Protein backbone atom coordinates (compact mmCIF):
# COMPACT_ATOMS: atom_id res chain seq x y z
CA MET A 1 85.63 8.13 16.77
CA ARG A 2 84.08 11.09 15.24
CA ARG A 3 82.53 8.84 12.73
CA LEU A 4 81.20 6.61 15.41
CA LEU A 5 79.79 9.51 17.34
CA LEU A 6 78.25 10.98 14.22
CA GLY A 7 76.72 7.61 13.37
CA ALA A 8 75.35 7.25 16.88
CA ILE A 9 73.79 10.71 16.71
CA LEU A 10 72.27 9.97 13.38
CA LEU A 11 70.90 6.65 14.54
CA THR A 12 69.54 8.22 17.71
CA GLY A 13 67.87 10.95 15.70
CA CYS A 14 66.19 8.41 13.46
CA ALA A 15 65.03 6.36 16.38
CA ALA A 16 63.53 9.39 18.12
CA GLN A 17 61.24 10.25 15.20
CA PRO A 18 57.74 8.91 15.42
CA PRO A 19 56.80 6.15 13.03
CA PRO A 20 54.99 7.30 9.92
CA ALA A 21 51.27 7.80 10.47
CA ALA A 22 48.97 5.05 9.29
CA PRO A 23 46.77 6.03 6.38
CA PRO A 24 43.33 7.22 7.53
CA ASP A 25 40.48 4.77 7.43
CA PRO A 26 38.49 5.06 4.22
CA PRO A 27 35.21 6.92 4.66
CA PRO A 28 32.28 4.63 5.32
CA LEU A 29 30.20 3.68 2.32
CA PRO A 30 27.00 5.67 2.03
CA PRO A 31 23.94 3.70 3.01
CA LYS A 32 22.02 2.13 0.20
CA PRO A 33 19.14 4.36 -0.83
CA VAL A 34 15.77 3.31 0.43
CA ILE A 35 13.50 2.66 -2.51
CA ILE A 36 9.91 3.48 -1.78
CA ILE A 37 7.50 1.42 -3.79
CA PRO A 38 4.24 3.29 -4.45
CA ASP A 39 0.92 1.66 -3.70
CA ASP A 40 -0.70 -0.33 -6.47
CA PRO A 41 -2.71 2.23 -8.48
CA MET A 42 -5.24 -0.47 -9.41
CA ALA A 43 -6.03 -1.31 -5.78
CA GLY A 44 -8.74 1.31 -5.22
CA LEU A 45 -10.47 0.98 -8.58
CA SER A 46 -13.78 -0.73 -9.19
CA PRO A 47 -13.55 -4.10 -10.98
CA ALA A 48 -15.09 -2.63 -14.15
CA VAL A 49 -12.62 0.27 -14.30
CA ARG A 50 -9.70 -2.06 -13.52
CA ALA A 51 -10.75 -4.44 -16.30
CA ALA A 52 -11.10 -1.56 -18.78
CA ILE A 53 -7.63 -0.22 -18.03
CA GLN A 54 -5.98 -3.65 -18.05
CA SER A 55 -7.54 -4.46 -21.43
CA HIS A 56 -6.42 -1.06 -22.84
CA GLN A 57 -10.04 -0.21 -23.58
CA THR A 58 -11.77 3.02 -22.61
CA PRO A 59 -15.49 2.27 -22.48
CA VAL A 60 -18.11 4.36 -20.76
CA ILE A 61 -19.00 2.38 -17.64
CA LYS A 62 -22.43 2.26 -16.04
CA ASP A 63 -22.31 1.55 -12.30
CA GLY A 64 -25.74 1.73 -10.67
CA ILE A 65 -26.99 5.31 -11.15
CA ALA A 66 -23.52 6.57 -12.11
CA VAL A 67 -21.99 6.90 -15.55
CA ILE A 68 -18.17 6.80 -15.50
CA TYR A 69 -16.33 8.27 -18.47
CA PRO A 70 -12.69 7.74 -19.42
CA TYR A 71 -10.96 11.10 -19.11
CA ALA A 72 -9.28 12.67 -22.13
CA PRO A 73 -8.12 16.30 -21.97
CA ASN A 74 -9.57 17.43 -25.31
CA GLN A 75 -13.00 15.85 -25.14
CA GLN A 76 -16.50 17.20 -24.54
CA TRP A 77 -18.97 15.01 -22.71
CA THR A 78 -22.75 15.18 -23.11
CA VAL A 79 -24.75 15.05 -19.89
CA TYR A 80 -28.50 14.52 -20.01
CA CYS A 81 -30.54 16.43 -17.45
CA ALA A 82 -34.24 16.75 -16.57
CA PRO A 83 -36.19 19.57 -14.92
CA LEU A 84 -36.63 19.09 -11.16
CA HIS A 85 -33.82 16.49 -11.13
CA PRO A 86 -30.27 17.48 -10.16
CA THR A 87 -27.24 15.77 -11.68
CA ASP A 88 -24.03 15.40 -9.70
CA ILE A 89 -20.76 15.74 -11.60
CA LYS A 90 -17.77 14.41 -9.67
CA VAL A 91 -14.22 15.18 -10.76
CA GLY A 92 -11.26 13.01 -9.69
CA PRO A 93 -10.81 12.22 -6.01
CA ASP A 94 -7.39 13.90 -6.09
CA GLU A 95 -8.87 17.15 -7.43
CA ALA A 96 -10.28 20.16 -5.61
CA LEU A 97 -12.92 22.67 -6.67
CA ASN A 98 -13.74 26.14 -5.43
CA GLU A 99 -16.62 28.57 -6.07
CA ASP A 100 -14.99 29.73 -9.31
CA SER A 101 -14.46 26.23 -10.72
CA ALA A 102 -17.70 26.05 -12.73
CA MET A 103 -18.66 28.29 -15.63
CA ILE A 104 -22.10 27.65 -17.08
CA GLY A 105 -23.22 29.25 -20.34
CA ASP A 106 -26.94 29.83 -19.72
CA LYS A 107 -27.25 31.10 -16.14
CA THR A 108 -30.90 32.04 -16.68
CA ARG A 109 -32.19 28.53 -17.34
CA TRP A 110 -29.48 26.41 -15.68
CA GLU A 111 -27.90 26.30 -12.23
CA ALA A 112 -24.45 24.96 -11.31
CA GLN A 113 -23.59 24.66 -7.63
CA VAL A 114 -20.08 23.75 -6.43
CA LEU A 115 -20.07 21.25 -3.56
CA PRO A 116 -16.50 20.99 -2.27
CA PRO A 117 -14.28 19.12 -2.34
CA ASN A 118 -14.95 17.65 -5.79
CA THR A 119 -18.61 17.76 -6.91
CA ILE A 120 -20.72 20.12 -8.99
CA ARG A 121 -24.49 19.80 -9.00
CA VAL A 122 -26.31 21.01 -12.12
CA GLN A 123 -30.02 21.41 -12.67
CA PRO A 124 -32.10 22.86 -15.47
CA LEU A 125 -34.33 25.68 -14.21
CA GLY A 126 -36.43 25.71 -17.37
CA THR A 127 -39.22 23.32 -18.25
CA SER A 128 -39.48 20.40 -20.58
CA ALA A 129 -41.54 22.69 -22.87
CA ASP A 130 -38.19 23.63 -24.44
CA PRO A 131 -36.77 20.18 -25.27
CA ALA A 132 -33.86 21.69 -27.21
CA MET A 133 -32.65 23.62 -24.15
CA SER A 134 -28.90 23.04 -23.72
CA THR A 135 -25.81 24.84 -22.47
CA ASP A 136 -22.10 24.41 -21.98
CA LEU A 137 -20.44 23.80 -18.64
CA ILE A 138 -16.71 24.20 -18.11
CA ILE A 139 -15.17 22.83 -14.93
CA ASP A 140 -11.63 23.80 -13.96
CA SER A 141 -10.23 21.92 -10.99
CA ASN A 142 -6.78 22.33 -9.52
CA LYS A 143 -5.51 19.58 -11.90
CA ARG A 144 -7.76 19.21 -14.94
CA SER A 145 -10.31 20.93 -17.13
CA TYR A 146 -13.62 19.38 -18.21
CA ARG A 147 -15.97 20.56 -20.98
CA LEU A 148 -19.55 19.36 -20.88
CA LEU A 149 -22.66 19.88 -22.97
CA LEU A 150 -25.81 19.81 -20.84
CA LYS A 151 -29.01 18.76 -22.64
CA LEU A 152 -32.60 18.11 -21.60
CA ARG A 153 -33.93 14.59 -21.91
CA PRO A 154 -36.61 12.71 -19.93
CA ARG A 155 -34.14 9.94 -19.09
CA TYR A 156 -31.42 11.88 -17.31
CA THR A 157 -28.02 11.03 -15.83
CA GLU A 158 -28.07 11.15 -12.04
CA THR A 159 -24.31 11.06 -11.43
CA ILE A 160 -21.27 11.20 -13.66
CA SER A 161 -17.61 10.83 -12.87
CA TRP A 162 -14.39 9.90 -14.64
CA TYR A 163 -11.63 7.36 -14.50
CA PHE A 164 -8.12 8.23 -15.62
CA PRO A 165 -6.48 5.44 -17.66
CA ASP A 166 -3.35 7.43 -18.60
CA ASP A 167 -2.69 8.40 -14.98
CA VAL A 168 -3.15 4.83 -13.76
CA ARG A 169 -0.87 3.42 -16.46
CA ALA A 170 1.83 6.01 -15.64
CA ALA A 171 1.56 5.20 -11.93
CA GLN A 172 1.78 1.49 -12.72
CA ALA A 173 4.91 2.02 -14.83
CA ALA A 174 6.53 4.05 -12.03
CA ARG A 175 5.65 1.33 -9.53
CA GLN A 176 7.10 -1.42 -11.74
CA GLU A 177 10.29 0.61 -12.16
CA ALA A 178 10.58 1.04 -8.37
CA ILE A 179 10.06 -2.70 -7.84
CA ALA A 180 12.73 -3.56 -10.43
CA LYS A 181 15.16 -1.04 -8.89
CA ALA A 182 14.56 -2.46 -5.40
CA ALA A 183 15.18 -6.00 -6.66
CA LYS A 184 18.42 -4.91 -8.35
CA GLU A 185 19.61 -3.14 -5.18
CA GLN A 186 19.00 -6.29 -3.11
CA GLN A 187 21.13 -8.37 -5.49
CA GLN A 188 24.16 -6.10 -5.04
């Protein structure tokens, strides 16, 4: 009887214990990352600049009264100026200038005026009696540095600016990579 009683106690004790706990639910999967595809860097460019970059050429482009140079960090550009005629020099649209951004060599015979956000106006103060009159102009924006040689010439440049083939190509490559990554994520 003792055995029976002992067995009954043991069985009762086992039955009184709660069932083993169910394993916890696995943590939810993290959401798939949202891939942001940058805007097409070619979208805002003029047709001539777009064609130059797509053909891997870097010509100087004439667009109305403007001359558009391909930017290269270690290059000096020649800008032709004429007395009584200002020339506007426009850095990239993503750049900013301040009053200390322009350093002109000959301050006696040349004037450089900063016009925020991204233009410098230069004008020779001398006369055409000194046809060899020239000076250097260094422009330092918040992103790039430009070195120019200003020279007198009867046929002058009214406006100059730059296009940035290396920047556009890098932005295009980043965009293509984002598109490929987004396509791969959708397939999974």
